[in-house]
Amino acid sequence: MDTKTPASFQEKALELLIADADKIARLIRVQMEHLTMPQCPLYEEVLDTQMFGLSREIEFATKLGLIERDKGKEILDSLEKELSAVHDAHTKK
């Protein structure tokens, strides 16, 4: 018998979304450090694709009632700020 409560689903959804945001940040850091420059179409394509995918995940979780819309926006805003800081740090080198 499945004993998971709606709260545990909400917690798990939030954990997974935050983990996905962290993966995107790590991916971009690696690209910036080792592979490409921010002006590279590959960098922009990866960033756009990953951010779009995360935003769709967040929208899905919001529609299911697993997270609040504000929390999803907070995750995206936080990631965007982190990526902006990484971008700025690498372009000022």
PDB file of N, CA and C in Angstrom:
ATOM      1  N   MET A   1       0.836  -1.180   0.000  1.00  0.00           N
ATOM      2  CA  MET A   1       0.000   0.000   0.000  1.00  0.00           C
ATOM      3  C   MET A   1       0.886   1.250   0.000  1.00  0.00           C
ATOM      4  N   ASP A   2       0.528   2.211  -0.827  1.00  0.00           N
ATOM      5  CA  ASP A   2       1.283   3.452  -0.933  1.00  0.00           C
ATOM      6  C   ASP A   2       0.844   4.405   0.177  1.00  0.00           C
ATOM      7  N   THR A   3       1.800   4.810   1.008  1.00  0.00           N
ATOM      8  CA  THR A   3       1.463   5.670   2.144  1.00  0.00           C
ATOM      9  C   THR A   3       1.960   7.088   1.959  1.00  0.00           C
ATOM     10  N   LYS A   4       2.307   7.465   0.749  1.00  0.00           N
ATOM     11  CA  LYS A   4       2.809   8.824   0.513  1.00  0.00           C
ATOM     12  C   LYS A   4       1.662   9.816   0.627  1.00  0.00           C
ATOM     13  N   THR A   5       1.942  10.916   1.295  1.00  0.00           N
ATOM     14  CA  THR A   5       0.945  11.963   1.472  1.00  0.00           C
ATOM     15  C   THR A   5       1.158  13.042   0.420  1.00  0.00           C
ATOM     16  N   PRO A   6       0.143  13.869   0.188  1.00  0.00           N
ATOM     17  CA  PRO A   6       0.321  14.975  -0.751  1.00  0.00           C
ATOM     18  C   PRO A   6       1.496  15.872  -0.365  1.00  0.00           C
ATOM     19  N   ALA A   7       1.726  16.055   0.918  1.00  0.00           N
ATOM     20  CA  ALA A   7       2.846  16.896   1.361  1.00  0.00           C
ATOM     21  C   ALA A   7       4.178  16.291   0.931  1.00  0.00           C
ATOM     22  N   SER A   8       4.295  14.963   0.997  1.00  0.00           N
ATOM     23  CA  SER A   8       5.558  14.341   0.592  1.00  0.00           C
ATOM     24  C   SER A   8       5.761  14.472  -0.917  1.00  0.00           C
ATOM     25  N   PHE A   9       4.675  14.448  -1.689  1.00  0.00           N
ATOM     26  CA  PHE A   9       4.783  14.673  -3.128  1.00  0.00           C
ATOM     27  C   PHE A   9       5.235  16.106  -3.402  1.00  0.00           C
ATOM     28  N   GLN A  10       4.710  17.041  -2.640  1.00  0.00           N
ATOM     29  CA  GLN A  10       5.095  18.443  -2.801  1.00  0.00           C
ATOM     30  C   GLN A  10       6.571  18.634  -2.466  1.00  0.00           C
ATOM     31  N   GLU A  11       7.010  18.034  -1.380  1.00  0.00           N
ATOM     32  CA  GLU A  11       8.417  18.133  -0.983  1.00  0.00           C
ATOM     33  C   GLU A  11       9.323  17.514  -2.046  1.00  0.00           C
ATOM     34  N   LYS A  12       8.931  16.357  -2.553  1.00  0.00           N
ATOM     35  CA  LYS A  12       9.734  15.674  -3.574  1.00  0.00           C
ATOM     36  C   LYS A  12       9.781  16.493  -4.860  1.00  0.00           C
ATOM     37  N   ALA A  13       8.647  17.064  -5.267  1.00  0.00           N
ATOM     38  CA  ALA A  13       8.615  17.892  -6.473  1.00  0.00           C
ATOM     39  C   ALA A  13       9.549  19.082  -6.320  1.00  0.00           C
ATOM     40  N   LEU A  14       9.510  19.724  -5.171  1.00  0.00           N
ATOM     41  CA  LEU A  14      10.377  20.869  -4.928  1.00  0.00           C
ATOM     42  C   LEU A  14      11.848  20.452  -4.961  1.00  0.00           C
ATOM     43  N   GLU A  15      12.173  19.345  -4.326  1.00  0.00           N
ATOM     44  CA  GLU A  15      13.552  18.830  -4.334  1.00  0.00           C
ATOM     45  C   GLU A  15      14.035  18.565  -5.754  1.00  0.00           C
ATOM     46  N   LEU A  16      13.189  17.940  -6.561  1.00  0.00           N
ATOM     47  CA  LEU A  16      13.572  17.610  -7.934  1.00  0.00           C
ATOM     48  C   LEU A  16      13.774  18.866  -8.782  1.00  0.00           C
ATOM     49  N   LEU A  17      12.910  19.850  -8.611  1.00  0.00           N
ATOM     50  CA  LEU A  17      13.036  21.093  -9.379  1.00  0.00           C
ATOM     51  C   LEU A  17      14.307  21.851  -8.994  1.00  0.00           C
ATOM     52  N   ILE A  18      14.591  21.898  -7.723  1.00  0.00           N
ATOM     53  CA  ILE A  18      15.817  22.565  -7.263  1.00  0.00           C
ATOM     54  C   ILE A  18      17.042  21.814  -7.771  1.00  0.00           C
ATOM     55  N   ALA A  19      16.983  20.485  -7.747  1.00  0.00           N
ATOM     56  CA  ALA A  19      18.099  19.683  -8.258  1.00  0.00           C
ATOM     57  C   ALA A  19      18.304  19.929  -9.751  1.00  0.00           C
ATOM     58  N   ASP A  20      17.225  20.042 -10.504  1.00  0.00           N
ATOM     59  CA  ASP A  20      17.349  20.329 -11.936  1.00  0.00           C
ATOM     60  C   ASP A  20      17.944  21.709 -12.171  1.00  0.00           C
ATOM     61  N   ALA A  21      17.547  22.684 -11.376  1.00  0.00           N
ATOM     62  CA  ALA A  21      18.124  24.034 -11.488  1.00  0.00           C
ATOM     63  C   ALA A  21      19.621  23.984 -11.183  1.00  0.00           C
ATOM     64  N   ASP A  22      20.003  23.216 -10.172  1.00  0.00           N
ATOM     65  CA  ASP A  22      21.429  23.066  -9.836  1.00  0.00           C
ATOM     66  C   ASP A  22      22.206  22.410 -10.974  1.00  0.00           C
ATOM     67  N   LYS A  23      21.601  21.414 -11.627  1.00  0.00           N
ATOM     68  CA  LYS A  23      22.260  20.749 -12.757  1.00  0.00           C
ATOM     69  C   LYS A  23      22.503  21.729 -13.897  1.00  0.00           C
ATOM     70  N   ILE A  24      21.532  22.582 -14.159  1.00  0.00           N
ATOM     71  CA  ILE A  24      21.694  23.578 -15.216  1.00  0.00           C
ATOM     72  C   ILE A  24      22.834  24.525 -14.873  1.00  0.00           C
ATOM     73  N   ALA A  25      22.881  24.977 -13.639  1.00  0.00           N
ATOM     74  CA  ALA A  25      23.945  25.891 -13.216  1.00  0.00           C
ATOM     75  C   ALA A  25      25.316  25.224 -13.365  1.00  0.00           C
ATOM     76  N   ARG A  26      25.424  23.957 -12.965  1.00  0.00           N
ATOM     77  CA  ARG A  26      26.698  23.231 -13.105  1.00  0.00           C
ATOM     78  C   ARG A  26      27.074  23.073 -14.578  1.00  0.00           C
ATOM     79  N   LEU A  27      26.111  22.726 -15.411  1.00  0.00           N
ATOM     80  CA  LEU A  27      26.354  22.566 -16.832  1.00  0.00           C
ATOM     81  C   LEU A  27      26.885  23.856 -17.453  1.00  0.00           C
ATOM     82  N   ILE A  28      26.283  24.954 -17.120  1.00  0.00           N
ATOM     83  CA  ILE A  28      26.702  26.239 -17.670  1.00  0.00           C
ATOM     84  C   ILE A  28      28.090  26.611 -17.144  1.00  0.00           C
ATOM     85  N   ARG A  29      28.356  26.351 -15.857  1.00  0.00           N
ATOM     86  CA  ARG A  29      29.685  26.634 -15.311  1.00  0.00           C
ATOM     87  C   ARG A  29      30.759  25.841 -16.061  1.00  0.00           C
ATOM     88  N   VAL A  30      30.484  24.565 -16.310  1.00  0.00           N
ATOM     89  CA  VAL A  30      31.433  23.715 -17.027  1.00  0.00           C
ATOM     90  C   VAL A  30      31.638  24.247 -18.439  1.00  0.00           C
ATOM     91  N   GLN A  31      30.569  24.601 -19.112  1.00  0.00           N
ATOM     92  CA  GLN A  31      30.700  25.140 -20.465  1.00  0.00           C
ATOM     93  C   GLN A  31      31.543  26.412 -20.462  1.00  0.00           C
ATOM     94  N   MET A  32      31.277  27.274 -19.502  1.00  0.00           N
ATOM     95  CA  MET A  32      31.995  28.538 -19.446  1.00  0.00           C
ATOM     96  C   MET A  32      33.473  28.311 -19.145  1.00  0.00           C
ATOM     97  N   GLU A  33      33.781  27.367 -18.301  1.00  0.00           N
ATOM     98  CA  GLU A  33      35.157  27.132 -17.885  1.00  0.00           C
ATOM     99  C   GLU A  33      35.970  26.338 -18.904  1.00  0.00           C
ATOM    100  N   HIS A  34      35.327  25.421 -19.621  1.00  0.00           N
ATOM    101  CA  HIS A  34      36.092  24.485 -20.426  1.00  0.00           C
ATOM    102  C   HIS A  34      35.757  24.449 -21.910  1.00  0.00           C
ATOM    103  N   LEU A  35      34.568  24.778 -22.261  1.00  0.00           N
ATOM    104  CA  LEU A  35      34.166  24.480 -23.627  1.00  0.00           C
ATOM    105  C   LEU A  35      33.943  25.699 -24.521  1.00  0.00           C
ATOM    106  N   THR A  36      33.087  26.588 -24.107  1.00  0.00           N
ATOM    107  CA  THR A  36      32.672  27.649 -25.025  1.00  0.00           C
ATOM    108  C   THR A  36      32.606  28.998 -24.338  1.00  0.00           C
ATOM    109  N   MET A  37      32.516  29.997 -25.151  1.00  0.00           N
ATOM    110  CA  MET A  37      32.340  31.364 -24.670  1.00  0.00           C
ATOM    111  C   MET A  37      30.852  31.692 -24.693  1.00  0.00           C
ATOM    112  N   PRO A  38      30.425  32.691 -23.915  1.00  0.00           N
ATOM    113  CA  PRO A  38      29.003  33.025 -23.837  1.00  0.00           C
ATOM    114  C   PRO A  38      28.395  33.477 -25.169  1.00  0.00           C
ATOM    115  N   GLN A  39      29.219  33.945 -26.095  1.00  0.00           N
ATOM    116  CA  GLN A  39      28.696  34.388 -27.379  1.00  0.00           C
ATOM    117  C   GLN A  39      28.487  33.222 -28.351  1.00  0.00           C
ATOM    118  N   CYS A  40      28.925  32.054 -27.974  1.00  0.00           N
ATOM    119  CA  CYS A  40      28.835  30.879 -28.831  1.00  0.00           C
ATOM    120  C   CYS A  40      27.379  30.427 -28.960  1.00  0.00           C
ATOM    121  N   PRO A  41      26.943  30.131 -30.193  1.00  0.00           N
ATOM    122  CA  PRO A  41      25.565  29.645 -30.376  1.00  0.00           C
ATOM    123  C   PRO A  41      25.272  28.369 -29.581  1.00  0.00           C
ATOM    124  N   LEU A  42      26.263  27.506 -29.410  1.00  0.00           N
ATOM    125  CA  LEU A  42      26.063  26.285 -28.627  1.00  0.00           C
ATOM    126  C   LEU A  42      25.717  26.616 -27.187  1.00  0.00           C
ATOM    127  N   TYR A  43      26.445  27.554 -26.598  1.00  0.00           N
ATOM    128  CA  TYR A  43      26.172  27.983 -25.227  1.00  0.00           C
ATOM    129  C   TYR A  43      24.744  28.514 -25.126  1.00  0.00           C
ATOM    130  N   GLU A  44      24.382  29.391 -26.040  1.00  0.00           N
ATOM    131  CA  GLU A  44      23.048  29.991 -25.997  1.00  0.00           C
ATOM    132  C   GLU A  44      21.964  28.937 -26.191  1.00  0.00           C
ATOM    133  N   GLU A  45      22.209  27.986 -27.086  1.00  0.00           N
ATOM    134  CA  GLU A  45      21.229  26.933 -27.347  1.00  0.00           C
ATOM    135  C   GLU A  45      21.028  26.054 -26.113  1.00  0.00           C
ATOM    136  N   VAL A  46      22.111  25.656 -25.493  1.00  0.00           N
ATOM    137  CA  VAL A  46      22.015  24.823 -24.285  1.00  0.00           C
ATOM    138  C   VAL A  46      21.287  25.585 -23.187  1.00  0.00           C
ATOM    139  N   LEU A  47      21.671  26.818 -22.982  1.00  0.00           N
ATOM    140  CA  LEU A  47      21.043  27.617 -21.937  1.00  0.00           C
ATOM    141  C   LEU A  47      19.557  27.787 -22.203  1.00  0.00           C
ATOM    142  N   ASP A  48      19.196  28.171 -23.410  1.00  0.00           N
ATOM    143  CA  ASP A  48      17.784  28.368 -23.745  1.00  0.00           C
ATOM    144  C   ASP A  48      16.984  27.083 -23.593  1.00  0.00           C
ATOM    145  N   THR A  49      17.538  25.982 -24.089  1.00  0.00           N
ATOM    146  CA  THR A  49      16.837  24.693 -24.022  1.00  0.00           C
ATOM    147  C   THR A  49      16.651  24.245 -22.582  1.00  0.00           C
ATOM    148  N   GLN A  50      17.699  24.341 -21.789  1.00  0.00           N
ATOM    149  CA  GLN A  50      17.625  23.908 -20.391  1.00  0.00           C
ATOM    150  C   GLN A  50      16.666  24.781 -19.585  1.00  0.00           C
ATOM    151  N   MET A  51      16.734  26.077 -19.786  1.00  0.00           N
ATOM    152  CA  MET A  51      15.849  26.986 -19.049  1.00  0.00           C
ATOM    153  C   MET A  51      14.395  26.766 -19.456  1.00  0.00           C
ATOM    154  N   PHE A  52      14.159  26.550 -20.742  1.00  0.00           N
ATOM    155  CA  PHE A  52      12.799  26.286 -21.205  1.00  0.00           C
ATOM    156  C   PHE A  52      12.276  24.993 -20.579  1.00  0.00           C
ATOM    157  N   GLY A  53      13.101  23.956 -20.585  1.00  0.00           N
ATOM    158  CA  GLY A  53      12.682  22.683 -19.990  1.00  0.00           C
ATOM    159  C   GLY A  53      12.346  22.818 -18.516  1.00  0.00           C
ATOM    160  N   LEU A  54      13.184  23.544 -17.788  1.00  0.00           N
ATOM    161  CA  LEU A  54      12.912  23.744 -16.359  1.00  0.00           C
ATOM    162  C   LEU A  54      11.631  24.543 -16.162  1.00  0.00           C
ATOM    163  N   SER A  55      11.427  25.549 -16.972  1.00  0.00           N
ATOM    164  CA  SER A  55      10.200  26.347 -16.816  1.00  0.00           C
ATOM    165  C   SER A  55       8.955  25.498 -17.085  1.00  0.00           C
ATOM    166  N   ARG A  56       9.050  24.562 -18.030  1.00  0.00           N
ATOM    167  CA  ARG A  56       7.914  23.661 -18.303  1.00  0.00           C
ATOM    168  C   ARG A  56       7.695  22.692 -17.137  1.00  0.00           C
ATOM    169  N   GLU A  57       8.781  22.200 -16.543  1.00  0.00           N
ATOM    170  CA  GLU A  57       8.659  21.330 -15.367  1.00  0.00           C
ATOM    171  C   GLU A  57       7.952  22.076 -14.237  1.00  0.00           C
ATOM    172  N   ILE A  58       8.370  23.314 -14.031  1.00  0.00           N
ATOM    173  CA  ILE A  58       7.786  24.124 -12.965  1.00  0.00           C
ATOM    174  C   ILE A  58       6.308  24.391 -13.245  1.00  0.00           C
ATOM    175  N   GLU A  59       5.992  24.701 -14.481  1.00  0.00           N
ATOM    176  CA  GLU A  59       4.596  24.941 -14.834  1.00  0.00           C
ATOM    177  C   GLU A  59       3.751  23.684 -14.591  1.00  0.00           C
ATOM    178  N   PHE A  60       4.283  22.529 -14.950  1.00  0.00           N
ATOM    179  CA  PHE A  60       3.582  21.265 -14.742  1.00  0.00           C
ATOM    180  C   PHE A  60       3.344  21.020 -13.254  1.00  0.00           C
ATOM    181  N   ALA A  61       4.385  21.192 -12.450  1.00  0.00           N
ATOM    182  CA  ALA A  61       4.252  20.980 -11.003  1.00  0.00           C
ATOM    183  C   ALA A  61       3.262  21.968 -10.397  1.00  0.00           C
ATOM    184  N   THR A  62       3.248  23.181 -10.924  1.00  0.00           N
ATOM    185  CA  THR A  62       2.306  24.191 -10.433  1.00  0.00           C
ATOM    186  C   THR A  62       0.875  23.792 -10.769  1.00  0.00           C
ATOM    187  N   LYS A  63       0.662  23.341 -11.984  1.00  0.00           N
ATOM    188  CA  LYS A  63      -0.681  22.916 -12.398  1.00  0.00           C
ATOM    189  C   LYS A  63      -1.184  21.736 -11.573  1.00  0.00           C
ATOM    190  N   LEU A  64      -0.268  20.869 -11.169  1.00  0.00           N
ATOM    191  CA  LEU A  64      -0.662  19.735 -10.330  1.00  0.00           C
ATOM    192  C   LEU A  64      -0.872  20.127  -8.874  1.00  0.00           C
ATOM    193  N   GLY A  65      -0.504  21.356  -8.536  1.00  0.00           N
ATOM    194  CA  GLY A  65      -0.637  21.807  -7.157  1.00  0.00           C
ATOM    195  C   GLY A  65       0.488  21.325  -6.259  1.00  0.00           C
ATOM    196  N   LEU A  66       1.598  20.913  -6.870  1.00  0.00           N
ATOM    197  CA  LEU A  66       2.718  20.407  -6.078  1.00  0.00           C
ATOM    198  C   LEU A  66       3.599  21.528  -5.546  1.00  0.00           C
ATOM    199  N   ILE A  67       3.628  22.647  -6.246  1.00  0.00           N
ATOM    200  CA  ILE A  67       4.354  23.818  -5.753  1.00  0.00           C
ATOM    201  C   ILE A  67       3.512  25.063  -6.050  1.00  0.00           C
ATOM    202  N   GLU A  68       3.771  26.109  -5.298  1.00  0.00           N
ATOM    203  CA  GLU A  68       3.108  27.382  -5.537  1.00  0.00           C
ATOM    204  C   GLU A  68       3.794  28.085  -6.708  1.00  0.00           C
ATOM    205  N   ARG A  69       3.023  28.848  -7.458  1.00  0.00           N
ATOM    206  CA  ARG A  69       3.571  29.588  -8.595  1.00  0.00           C
ATOM    207  C   ARG A  69       4.731  30.488  -8.162  1.00  0.00           C
ATOM    208  N   ASP A  70       4.594  31.128  -7.001  1.00  0.00           N
ATOM    209  CA  ASP A  70       5.653  32.008  -6.506  1.00  0.00           C
ATOM    210  C   ASP A  70       6.949  31.240  -6.240  1.00  0.00           C
ATOM    211  N   LYS A  71       6.841  30.021  -5.728  1.00  0.00           N
ATOM    212  CA  LYS A  71       8.031  29.214  -5.468  1.00  0.00           C
ATOM    213  C   LYS A  71       8.713  28.846  -6.779  1.00  0.00           C
ATOM    214  N   GLY A  72       7.936  28.515  -7.796  1.00  0.00           N
ATOM    215  CA  GLY A  72       8.505  28.217  -9.103  1.00  0.00           C
ATOM    216  C   GLY A  72       9.217  29.423  -9.688  1.00  0.00           C
ATOM    217  N   LYS A  73       8.603  30.587  -9.544  1.00  0.00           N
ATOM    218  CA  LYS A  73       9.238  31.816 -10.026  1.00  0.00           C
ATOM    219  C   LYS A  73      10.522  32.092  -9.257  1.00  0.00           C
ATOM    220  N   GLU A  74      10.510  31.805  -7.979  1.00  0.00           N
ATOM    221  CA  GLU A  74      11.706  31.988  -7.141  1.00  0.00           C
ATOM    222  C   GLU A  74      12.855  31.092  -7.618  1.00  0.00           C
ATOM    223  N   ILE A  75      12.550  29.850  -7.972  1.00  0.00           N
ATOM    224  CA  ILE A  75      13.570  28.919  -8.463  1.00  0.00           C
ATOM    225  C   ILE A  75      14.185  29.451  -9.757  1.00  0.00           C
ATOM    226  N   LEU A  76      13.332  29.877 -10.693  1.00  0.00           N
ATOM    227  CA  LEU A  76      13.838  30.402 -11.963  1.00  0.00           C
ATOM    228  C   LEU A  76      14.634  31.693 -11.772  1.00  0.00           C
ATOM    229  N   ASP A  77      14.122  32.593 -10.940  1.00  0.00           N
ATOM    230  CA  ASP A  77      14.820  33.859 -10.694  1.00  0.00           C
ATOM    231  C   ASP A  77      16.192  33.617 -10.069  1.00  0.00           C
ATOM    232  N   SER A  78      16.241  32.708  -9.118  1.00  0.00           N
ATOM    233  CA  SER A  78      17.502  32.393  -8.451  1.00  0.00           C
ATOM    234  C   SER A  78      18.514  31.824  -9.449  1.00  0.00           C
ATOM    235  N   LEU A  79      18.058  30.920 -10.303  1.00  0.00           N
ATOM    236  CA  LEU A  79      18.941  30.334 -11.305  1.00  0.00           C
ATOM    237  C   LEU A  79      19.421  31.400 -12.288  1.00  0.00           C
ATOM    238  N   GLU A  80      18.525  32.266 -12.725  1.00  0.00           N
ATOM    239  CA  GLU A  80      18.910  33.320 -13.659  1.00  0.00           C
ATOM    240  C   GLU A  80      19.959  34.249 -13.048  1.00  0.00           C
ATOM    241  N   LYS A  81      19.804  34.574 -11.777  1.00  0.00           N
ATOM    242  CA  LYS A  81      20.789  35.420 -11.104  1.00  0.00           C
ATOM    243  C   LYS A  81      22.144  34.717 -11.017  1.00  0.00           C
ATOM    244  N   GLU A  82      22.120  33.429 -10.681  1.00  0.00           N
ATOM    245  CA  GLU A  82      23.366  32.667 -10.584  1.00  0.00           C
ATOM    246  C   GLU A  82      24.059  32.579 -11.944  1.00  0.00           C
ATOM    247  N   LEU A  83      23.296  32.307 -12.988  1.00  0.00           N
ATOM    248  CA  LEU A  83      23.871  32.205 -14.324  1.00  0.00           C
ATOM    249  C   LEU A  83      24.407  33.546 -14.804  1.00  0.00           C
ATOM    250  N   SER A  84      23.726  34.607 -14.442  1.00  0.00           N
ATOM    251  CA  SER A  84      24.195  35.943 -14.793  1.00  0.00           C
ATOM    252  C   SER A  84      25.526  36.243 -14.110  1.00  0.00           C
ATOM    253  N   ALA A  85      25.646  35.852 -12.852  1.00  0.00           N
ATOM    254  CA  ALA A  85      26.888  36.062 -12.116  1.00  0.00           C
ATOM    255  C   ALA A  85      28.024  35.239 -12.728  1.00  0.00           C
ATOM    256  N   VAL A  86      27.741  34.008 -13.124  1.00  0.00           N
ATOM    257  CA  VAL A  86      28.750  33.157 -13.756  1.00  0.00           C
ATOM    258  C   VAL A  86      29.171  33.785 -15.081  1.00  0.00           C
ATOM    259  N   HIS A  87      28.204  34.223 -15.847  1.00  0.00           N
ATOM    260  CA  HIS A  87      28.488  34.854 -17.139  1.00  0.00           C
ATOM    261  C   HIS A  87      29.353  36.095 -16.946  1.00  0.00           C
ATOM    262  N   ASP A  88      28.971  36.948 -16.007  1.00  0.00           N
ATOM    263  CA  ASP A  88      29.739  38.177 -15.743  1.00  0.00           C
ATOM    264  C   ASP A  88      31.167  37.862 -15.307  1.00  0.00           C
ATOM    265  N   ALA A  89      31.311  36.866 -14.452  1.00  0.00           N
ATOM    266  CA  ALA A  89      32.645  36.504 -13.954  1.00  0.00           C
ATOM    267  C   ALA A  89      33.546  36.018 -15.089  1.00  0.00           C
ATOM    268  N   HIS A  90      33.000  35.298 -16.034  1.00  0.00           N
ATOM    269  CA  HIS A  90      33.806  34.749 -17.122  1.00  0.00           C
ATOM    270  C   HIS A  90      34.051  35.761 -18.233  1.00  0.00           C
ATOM    271  N   THR A  91      33.170  36.710 -18.404  1.00  0.00           N
ATOM    272  CA  THR A  91      33.384  37.701 -19.464  1.00  0.00           C
ATOM    273  C   THR A  91      34.324  38.813 -19.004  1.00  0.00           C
ATOM    274  N   LYS A  92      34.533  38.945 -17.705  1.00  0.00           N
ATOM    275  CA  LYS A  92      35.433  39.964 -17.174  1.00  0.00           C
ATOM    276  C   LYS A  92      36.862  39.465 -17.052  1.00  0.00           C
ATOM    277  N   LYS A  93      37.112  38.205 -17.369  1.00  0.00           N
ATOM    278  CA  LYS A  93      38.463  37.631 -17.264  1.00  0.00           C
ATOM    279  C   LYS A  93      39.377  38.242 -18.284  1.00  0.00           C
TER     280      LYS A  93
END
